[in-house]
Amino acid sequence: MLEIAKNITITGYSKIDGEIAEGHQAVIDSANPENMSISSWQQDGALYKANRVQCRADAAEFEDAVYLLQDEMIAEKQTAE
């Protein structure tokens, strides 16, 4: 039997002078928003290393944004039940 899942994917990038140093992605399960995965990757290792402070600040900002979205989705689900 076919089972279809709907997920929301959020992607962000740490850019330094227009170049991507690091990428971030979060996937939230729409049916069960408590389930979320977050990953990061270095697009340009040298650029990342030279700008670690900014990249770490961007990573924290990204996490704050996706956790806020996750909290909103959980609240919406609880209201609908």
PDB file of N, CA and C in Angstrom:
ATOM      1  N   MET A   1       0.838  -1.174   0.000  1.00  0.00           N
ATOM      2  CA  MET A   1       0.000   0.000   0.000  1.00  0.00           C
ATOM      3  C   MET A   1       0.889   1.246   0.000  1.00  0.00           C
ATOM      4  N   LEU A   2       0.525   2.203  -0.795  1.00  0.00           N
ATOM      5  CA  LEU A   2       1.290   3.442  -0.920  1.00  0.00           C
ATOM      6  C   LEU A   2       1.078   4.332   0.295  1.00  0.00           C
ATOM      7  N   GLU A   3       2.171   4.803   0.822  1.00  0.00           N
ATOM      8  CA  GLU A   3       2.121   5.786   1.900  1.00  0.00           C
ATOM      9  C   GLU A   3       2.907   7.010   1.446  1.00  0.00           C
ATOM     10  N   ILE A   4       2.281   8.168   1.548  1.00  0.00           N
ATOM     11  CA  ILE A   4       2.918   9.408   1.112  1.00  0.00           C
ATOM     12  C   ILE A   4       3.158  10.291   2.331  1.00  0.00           C
ATOM     13  N   ALA A   5       4.351  10.820   2.421  1.00  0.00           N
ATOM     14  CA  ALA A   5       4.701  11.707   3.522  1.00  0.00           C
ATOM     15  C   ALA A   5       5.000  13.092   2.966  1.00  0.00           C
ATOM     16  N   LYS A   6       4.563  14.088   3.688  1.00  0.00           N
ATOM     17  CA  LYS A   6       4.836  15.470   3.302  1.00  0.00           C
ATOM     18  C   LYS A   6       5.842  16.052   4.286  1.00  0.00           C
ATOM     19  N   ASN A   7       6.944  16.547   3.775  1.00  0.00           N
ATOM     20  CA  ASN A   7       7.975  17.155   4.599  1.00  0.00           C
ATOM     21  C   ASN A   7       8.236  18.575   4.116  1.00  0.00           C
ATOM     22  N   ILE A   8       8.673  19.399   5.026  1.00  0.00           N
ATOM     23  CA  ILE A   8       9.063  20.757   4.681  1.00  0.00           C
ATOM     24  C   ILE A   8      10.580  20.826   4.784  1.00  0.00           C
ATOM     25  N   THR A   9      11.219  21.318   3.737  1.00  0.00           N
ATOM     26  CA  THR A   9      12.672  21.453   3.707  1.00  0.00           C
ATOM     27  C   THR A   9      13.030  22.935   3.694  1.00  0.00           C
ATOM     28  N   ILE A  10      13.898  23.315   4.625  1.00  0.00           N
ATOM     29  CA  ILE A  10      14.365  24.696   4.718  1.00  0.00           C
ATOM     30  C   ILE A  10      15.874  24.672   4.487  1.00  0.00           C
ATOM     31  N   THR A  11      16.355  25.524   3.597  1.00  0.00           N
ATOM     32  CA  THR A  11      17.773  25.568   3.270  1.00  0.00           C
ATOM     33  C   THR A  11      18.289  26.991   3.454  1.00  0.00           C
ATOM     34  N   GLY A  12      19.467  27.111   4.030  1.00  0.00           N
ATOM     35  CA  GLY A  12      20.093  28.417   4.214  1.00  0.00           C
ATOM     36  C   GLY A  12      21.577  28.321   3.890  1.00  0.00           C
ATOM     37  N   TYR A  13      22.160  29.455   3.599  1.00  0.00           N
ATOM     38  CA  TYR A  13      23.576  29.490   3.220  1.00  0.00           C
ATOM     39  C   TYR A  13      24.299  30.605   3.956  1.00  0.00           C
ATOM     40  N   SER A  14      25.525  30.322   4.388  1.00  0.00           N
ATOM     41  CA  SER A  14      26.418  31.354   4.916  1.00  0.00           C
ATOM     42  C   SER A  14      27.228  31.869   3.729  1.00  0.00           C
ATOM     43  N   LYS A  15      26.961  33.115   3.352  1.00  0.00           N
ATOM     44  CA  LYS A  15      27.667  33.698   2.211  1.00  0.00           C
ATOM     45  C   LYS A  15      28.651  34.750   2.703  1.00  0.00           C
ATOM     46  N   ILE A  16      29.841  34.696   2.143  1.00  0.00           N
ATOM     47  CA  ILE A  16      30.887  35.672   2.427  1.00  0.00           C
ATOM     48  C   ILE A  16      31.258  36.311   1.093  1.00  0.00           C
ATOM     49  N   ASP A  17      31.030  37.605   0.972  1.00  0.00           N
ATOM     50  CA  ASP A  17      31.307  38.327  -0.277  1.00  0.00           C
ATOM     51  C   ASP A  17      30.663  37.630  -1.481  1.00  0.00           C
ATOM     52  N   GLY A  18      29.426  37.155  -1.289  1.00  0.00           N
ATOM     53  CA  GLY A  18      28.677  36.532  -2.378  1.00  0.00           C
ATOM     54  C   GLY A  18      29.004  35.075  -2.638  1.00  0.00           C
ATOM     55  N   GLU A  19      29.984  34.514  -1.935  1.00  0.00           N
ATOM     56  CA  GLU A  19      30.373  33.119  -2.123  1.00  0.00           C
ATOM     57  C   GLU A  19      29.843  32.279  -0.958  1.00  0.00           C
ATOM     58  N   ILE A  20      29.360  31.090  -1.253  1.00  0.00           N
ATOM     59  CA  ILE A  20      28.823  30.207  -0.218  1.00  0.00           C
ATOM     60  C   ILE A  20      29.971  29.505   0.514  1.00  0.00           C
ATOM     61  N   ALA A  21      30.034  29.727   1.816  1.00  0.00           N
ATOM     62  CA  ALA A  21      31.039  29.073   2.648  1.00  0.00           C
ATOM     63  C   ALA A  21      30.472  27.791   3.252  1.00  0.00           C
ATOM     64  N   GLU A  22      29.208  27.854   3.684  1.00  0.00           N
ATOM     65  CA  GLU A  22      28.593  26.724   4.366  1.00  0.00           C
ATOM     66  C   GLU A  22      27.107  26.701   4.052  1.00  0.00           C
ATOM     67  N   GLY A  23      26.544  25.510   3.985  1.00  0.00           N
ATOM     68  CA  GLY A  23      25.117  25.354   3.761  1.00  0.00           C
ATOM     69  C   GLY A  23      24.469  24.674   4.951  1.00  0.00           C
ATOM     70  N   HIS A  24      23.182  24.932   5.128  1.00  0.00           N
ATOM     71  CA  HIS A  24      22.406  24.357   6.226  1.00  0.00           C
ATOM     72  C   HIS A  24      21.069  23.888   5.660  1.00  0.00           C
ATOM     73  N   GLN A  25      20.581  22.778   6.190  1.00  0.00           N
ATOM     74  CA  GLN A  25      19.281  22.287   5.747  1.00  0.00           C
ATOM     75  C   GLN A  25      18.558  21.644   6.921  1.00  0.00           C
ATOM     76  N   ALA A  26      17.277  21.887   7.003  1.00  0.00           N
ATOM     77  CA  ALA A  26      16.420  21.250   7.996  1.00  0.00           C
ATOM     78  C   ALA A  26      15.232  20.644   7.270  1.00  0.00           C
ATOM     79  N   VAL A  27      14.802  19.479   7.735  1.00  0.00           N
ATOM     80  CA  VAL A  27      13.624  18.814   7.184  1.00  0.00           C
ATOM     81  C   VAL A  27      12.680  18.546   8.348  1.00  0.00           C
ATOM     82  N   ILE A  28      11.451  19.062   8.232  1.00  0.00           N
ATOM     83  CA  ILE A  28      10.436  18.884   9.266  1.00  0.00           C
ATOM     84  C   ILE A  28       9.324  18.013   8.693  1.00  0.00           C
ATOM     85  N   ASP A  29       8.946  16.991   9.433  1.00  0.00           N
ATOM     86  CA  ASP A  29       7.858  16.098   9.050  1.00  0.00           C
ATOM     87  C   ASP A  29       6.540  16.819   9.305  1.00  0.00           C
ATOM     88  N   SER A  30       5.762  17.063   8.266  1.00  0.00           N
ATOM     89  CA  SER A  30       4.510  17.805   8.411  1.00  0.00           C
ATOM     90  C   SER A  30       3.490  17.063   9.266  1.00  0.00           C
ATOM     91  N   ALA A  31       3.460  15.736   9.163  1.00  0.00           N
ATOM     92  CA  ALA A  31       2.505  14.947   9.932  1.00  0.00           C
ATOM     93  C   ALA A  31       2.889  14.858  11.405  1.00  0.00           C
ATOM     94  N   ASN A  32       4.167  14.926  11.684  1.00  0.00           N
ATOM     95  CA  ASN A  32       4.669  14.831  13.045  1.00  0.00           C
ATOM     96  C   ASN A  32       5.821  15.832  13.199  1.00  0.00           C
ATOM     97  N   PRO A  33       5.508  17.115  13.375  1.00  0.00           N
ATOM     98  CA  PRO A  33       6.544  18.147  13.364  1.00  0.00           C
ATOM     99  C   PRO A  33       7.589  18.036  14.471  1.00  0.00           C
ATOM    100  N   GLU A  34       7.341  17.170  15.449  1.00  0.00           N
ATOM    101  CA  GLU A  34       8.373  16.927  16.461  1.00  0.00           C
ATOM    102  C   GLU A  34       9.598  16.283  15.823  1.00  0.00           C
ATOM    103  N   ASN A  35       9.393  15.625  14.679  1.00  0.00           N
ATOM    104  CA  ASN A  35      10.487  14.984  13.955  1.00  0.00           C
ATOM    105  C   ASN A  35      11.132  15.985  13.000  1.00  0.00           C
ATOM    106  N   MET A  36      12.368  16.318  13.287  1.00  0.00           N
ATOM    107  CA  MET A  36      13.100  17.261  12.451  1.00  0.00           C
ATOM    108  C   MET A  36      14.563  16.837  12.414  1.00  0.00           C
ATOM    109  N   SER A  37      15.171  17.003  11.265  1.00  0.00           N
ATOM    110  CA  SER A  37      16.613  16.769  11.154  1.00  0.00           C
ATOM    111  C   SER A  37      17.267  18.049  10.638  1.00  0.00           C
ATOM    112  N   ILE A  38      18.466  18.314  11.148  1.00  0.00           N
ATOM    113  CA  ILE A  38      19.234  19.489  10.731  1.00  0.00           C
ATOM    114  C   ILE A  38      20.618  19.006  10.312  1.00  0.00           C
ATOM    115  N   SER A  39      21.072  19.511   9.178  1.00  0.00           N
ATOM    116  CA  SER A  39      22.419  19.166   8.726  1.00  0.00           C
ATOM    117  C   SER A  39      23.112  20.411   8.181  1.00  0.00           C
ATOM    118  N   SER A  40      24.434  20.357   8.182  1.00  0.00           N
ATOM    119  CA  SER A  40      25.256  21.442   7.643  1.00  0.00           C
ATOM    120  C   SER A  40      26.405  20.843   6.851  1.00  0.00           C
ATOM    121  N   TRP A  41      26.900  21.607   5.909  1.00  0.00           N
ATOM    122  CA  TRP A  41      28.046  21.150   5.122  1.00  0.00           C
ATOM    123  C   TRP A  41      28.864  22.355   4.704  1.00  0.00           C
ATOM    124  N   GLN A  42      30.162  22.128   4.573  1.00  0.00           N
ATOM    125  CA  GLN A  42      31.049  23.186   4.106  1.00  0.00           C
ATOM    126  C   GLN A  42      31.107  23.141   2.587  1.00  0.00           C
ATOM    127  N   GLN A  43      30.746  24.245   1.976  1.00  0.00           N
ATOM    128  CA  GLN A  43      30.800  24.371   0.522  1.00  0.00           C
ATOM    129  C   GLN A  43      32.219  24.718   0.070  1.00  0.00           C
ATOM    130  N   ASP A  44      32.860  25.593   0.842  1.00  0.00           N
ATOM    131  CA  ASP A  44      34.216  26.052   0.548  1.00  0.00           C
ATOM    132  C   ASP A  44      34.986  26.048   1.867  1.00  0.00           C
ATOM    133  N   GLY A  45      35.787  25.005   2.074  1.00  0.00           N
ATOM    134  CA  GLY A  45      36.485  24.820   3.339  1.00  0.00           C
ATOM    135  C   GLY A  45      37.386  25.983   3.727  1.00  0.00           C
ATOM    136  N   ALA A  46      38.129  26.517   2.775  1.00  0.00           N
ATOM    137  CA  ALA A  46      39.043  27.627   3.073  1.00  0.00           C
ATOM    138  C   ALA A  46      38.255  28.884   3.449  1.00  0.00           C
ATOM    139  N   LEU A  47      37.175  29.150   2.730  1.00  0.00           N
ATOM    140  CA  LEU A  47      36.340  30.316   3.021  1.00  0.00           C
ATOM    141  C   LEU A  47      35.676  30.155   4.384  1.00  0.00           C
ATOM    142  N   TYR A  48      35.212  28.940   4.670  1.00  0.00           N
ATOM    143  CA  TYR A  48      34.620  28.665   5.978  1.00  0.00           C
ATOM    144  C   TYR A  48      35.642  28.904   7.092  1.00  0.00           C
ATOM    145  N   LYS A  49      36.818  28.327   6.932  1.00  0.00           N
ATOM    146  CA  LYS A  49      37.858  28.434   7.961  1.00  0.00           C
ATOM    147  C   LYS A  49      38.233  29.890   8.223  1.00  0.00           C
ATOM    148  N   ALA A  50      38.318  30.677   7.173  1.00  0.00           N
ATOM    149  CA  ALA A  50      38.685  32.090   7.318  1.00  0.00           C
ATOM    150  C   ALA A  50      37.561  32.922   7.936  1.00  0.00           C
ATOM    151  N   ASN A  51      36.338  32.376   7.935  1.00  0.00           N
ATOM    152  CA  ASN A  51      35.174  33.129   8.412  1.00  0.00           C
ATOM    153  C   ASN A  51      34.337  32.312   9.400  1.00  0.00           C
ATOM    154  N   ARG A  52      35.007  31.512  10.216  1.00  0.00           N
ATOM    155  CA  ARG A  52      34.310  30.623  11.155  1.00  0.00           C
ATOM    156  C   ARG A  52      33.342  31.350  12.078  1.00  0.00           C
ATOM    157  N   VAL A  53      33.737  32.496  12.575  1.00  0.00           N
ATOM    158  CA  VAL A  53      32.879  33.230  13.514  1.00  0.00           C
ATOM    159  C   VAL A  53      31.553  33.582  12.844  1.00  0.00           C
ATOM    160  N   GLN A  54      31.611  34.120  11.631  1.00  0.00           N
ATOM    161  CA  GLN A  54      30.392  34.482  10.910  1.00  0.00           C
ATOM    162  C   GLN A  54      29.573  33.241  10.566  1.00  0.00           C
ATOM    163  N   CYS A  55      30.242  32.182  10.124  1.00  0.00           N
ATOM    164  CA  CYS A  55      29.524  30.951   9.761  1.00  0.00           C
ATOM    165  C   CYS A  55      28.829  30.343  10.966  1.00  0.00           C
ATOM    166  N   ARG A  56      29.484  30.370  12.118  1.00  0.00           N
ATOM    167  CA  ARG A  56      28.853  29.835  13.334  1.00  0.00           C
ATOM    168  C   ARG A  56      27.659  30.686  13.749  1.00  0.00           C
ATOM    169  N   ALA A  57      27.775  31.989  13.594  1.00  0.00           N
ATOM    170  CA  ALA A  57      26.654  32.883  13.907  1.00  0.00           C
ATOM    171  C   ALA A  57      25.497  32.612  12.950  1.00  0.00           C
ATOM    172  N   ASP A  58      25.801  32.397  11.670  1.00  0.00           N
ATOM    173  CA  ASP A  58      24.763  32.079  10.687  1.00  0.00           C
ATOM    174  C   ASP A  58      24.098  30.745  11.011  1.00  0.00           C
ATOM    175  N   ALA A  59      24.892  29.756  11.447  1.00  0.00           N
ATOM    176  CA  ALA A  59      24.343  28.441  11.801  1.00  0.00           C
ATOM    177  C   ALA A  59      23.381  28.574  12.981  1.00  0.00           C
ATOM    178  N   ALA A  60      23.752  29.369  13.978  1.00  0.00           N
ATOM    179  CA  ALA A  60      22.885  29.576  15.138  1.00  0.00           C
ATOM    180  C   ALA A  60      21.597  30.286  14.734  1.00  0.00           C
ATOM    181  N   GLU A  61      21.703  31.271  13.854  1.00  0.00           N
ATOM    182  CA  GLU A  61      20.516  31.996  13.367  1.00  0.00           C
ATOM    183  C   GLU A  61      19.601  31.054  12.581  1.00  0.00           C
ATOM    184  N   PHE A  62      20.202  30.183  11.768  1.00  0.00           N
ATOM    185  CA  PHE A  62      19.422  29.212  11.000  1.00  0.00           C
ATOM    186  C   PHE A  62      18.670  28.274  11.950  1.00  0.00           C
ATOM    187  N   GLU A  63      19.380  27.750  12.958  1.00  0.00           N
ATOM    188  CA  GLU A  63      18.733  26.846  13.914  1.00  0.00           C
ATOM    189  C   GLU A  63      17.589  27.543  14.641  1.00  0.00           C
ATOM    190  N   ASP A  64      17.794  28.783  15.070  1.00  0.00           N
ATOM    191  CA  ASP A  64      16.731  29.528  15.742  1.00  0.00           C
ATOM    192  C   ASP A  64      15.507  29.643  14.842  1.00  0.00           C
ATOM    193  N   ALA A  65      15.726  29.935  13.566  1.00  0.00           N
ATOM    194  CA  ALA A  65      14.615  30.103  12.623  1.00  0.00           C
ATOM    195  C   ALA A  65      13.856  28.799  12.411  1.00  0.00           C
ATOM    196  N   VAL A  66      14.569  27.680  12.257  1.00  0.00           N
ATOM    197  CA  VAL A  66      13.860  26.425  12.005  1.00  0.00           C
ATOM    198  C   VAL A  66      13.179  25.904  13.264  1.00  0.00           C
ATOM    199  N   TYR A  67      13.779  26.139  14.443  1.00  0.00           N
ATOM    200  CA  TYR A  67      13.094  25.732  15.674  1.00  0.00           C
ATOM    201  C   TYR A  67      11.828  26.557  15.885  1.00  0.00           C
ATOM    202  N   LEU A  68      11.861  27.827  15.522  1.00  0.00           N
ATOM    203  CA  LEU A  68      10.663  28.660  15.606  1.00  0.00           C
ATOM    204  C   LEU A  68       9.571  28.115  14.681  1.00  0.00           C
ATOM    205  N   LEU A  69       9.938  27.773  13.454  1.00  0.00           N
ATOM    206  CA  LEU A  69       8.976  27.201  12.513  1.00  0.00           C
ATOM    207  C   LEU A  69       8.444  25.874  13.045  1.00  0.00           C
ATOM    208  N   GLN A  70       9.315  25.046  13.596  1.00  0.00           N
ATOM    209  CA  GLN A  70       8.887  23.771  14.155  1.00  0.00           C
ATOM    210  C   GLN A  70       7.889  24.001  15.300  1.00  0.00           C
ATOM    211  N   ASP A  71       8.183  24.936  16.188  1.00  0.00           N
ATOM    212  CA  ASP A  71       7.268  25.241  17.295  1.00  0.00           C
ATOM    213  C   ASP A  71       5.907  25.691  16.780  1.00  0.00           C
ATOM    214  N   GLU A  72       5.893  26.505  15.732  1.00  0.00           N
ATOM    215  CA  GLU A  72       4.630  26.961  15.142  1.00  0.00           C
ATOM    216  C   GLU A  72       3.839  25.780  14.571  1.00  0.00           C
ATOM    217  N   MET A  73       4.540  24.873  13.897  1.00  0.00           N
ATOM    218  CA  MET A  73       3.874  23.709  13.313  1.00  0.00           C
ATOM    219  C   MET A  73       3.307  22.792  14.402  1.00  0.00           C
ATOM    220  N   ILE A  74       4.052  22.612  15.489  1.00  0.00           N
ATOM    221  CA  ILE A  74       3.568  21.785  16.598  1.00  0.00           C
ATOM    222  C   ILE A  74       2.328  22.410  17.209  1.00  0.00           C
ATOM    223  N   ALA A  75       2.349  23.731  17.420  1.00  0.00           N
ATOM    224  CA  ALA A  75       1.192  24.425  17.993  1.00  0.00           C
ATOM    225  C   ALA A  75      -0.024  24.317  17.079  1.00  0.00           C
ATOM    226  N   GLU A  76       0.166  24.464  15.773  1.00  0.00           N
ATOM    227  CA  GLU A  76      -0.930  24.337  14.810  1.00  0.00           C
ATOM    228  C   GLU A  76      -1.527  22.934  14.855  1.00  0.00           C
ATOM    229  N   LYS A  77      -0.665  21.930  14.948  1.00  0.00           N
ATOM    230  CA  LYS A  77      -1.131  20.550  14.994  1.00  0.00           C
ATOM    231  C   LYS A  77      -1.938  20.299  16.264  1.00  0.00           C
ATOM    232  N   GLN A  78      -1.479  20.810  17.389  1.00  0.00           N
ATOM    233  CA  GLN A  78      -2.187  20.628  18.659  1.00  0.00           C
ATOM    234  C   GLN A  78      -3.528  21.330  18.637  1.00  0.00           C
ATOM    235  N   THR A  79      -3.603  22.502  18.007  1.00  0.00           N
ATOM    236  CA  THR A  79      -4.859  23.244  17.902  1.00  0.00           C
ATOM    237  C   THR A  79      -5.855  22.495  17.029  1.00  0.00           C
ATOM    238  N   ALA A  80      -5.358  21.843  15.975  1.00  0.00           N
ATOM    239  CA  ALA A  80      -6.235  21.125  15.042  1.00  0.00           C
ATOM    240  C   ALA A  80      -6.780  19.830  15.631  1.00  0.00           C
ATOM    241  N   GLU A  81      -6.118  19.307  16.637  1.00  0.00           N
ATOM    242  CA  GLU A  81      -6.550  18.016  17.208  1.00  0.00           C
ATOM    243  C   GLU A  81      -7.690  18.154  18.135  1.00  0.00           C
TER     244      GLU A  81
END
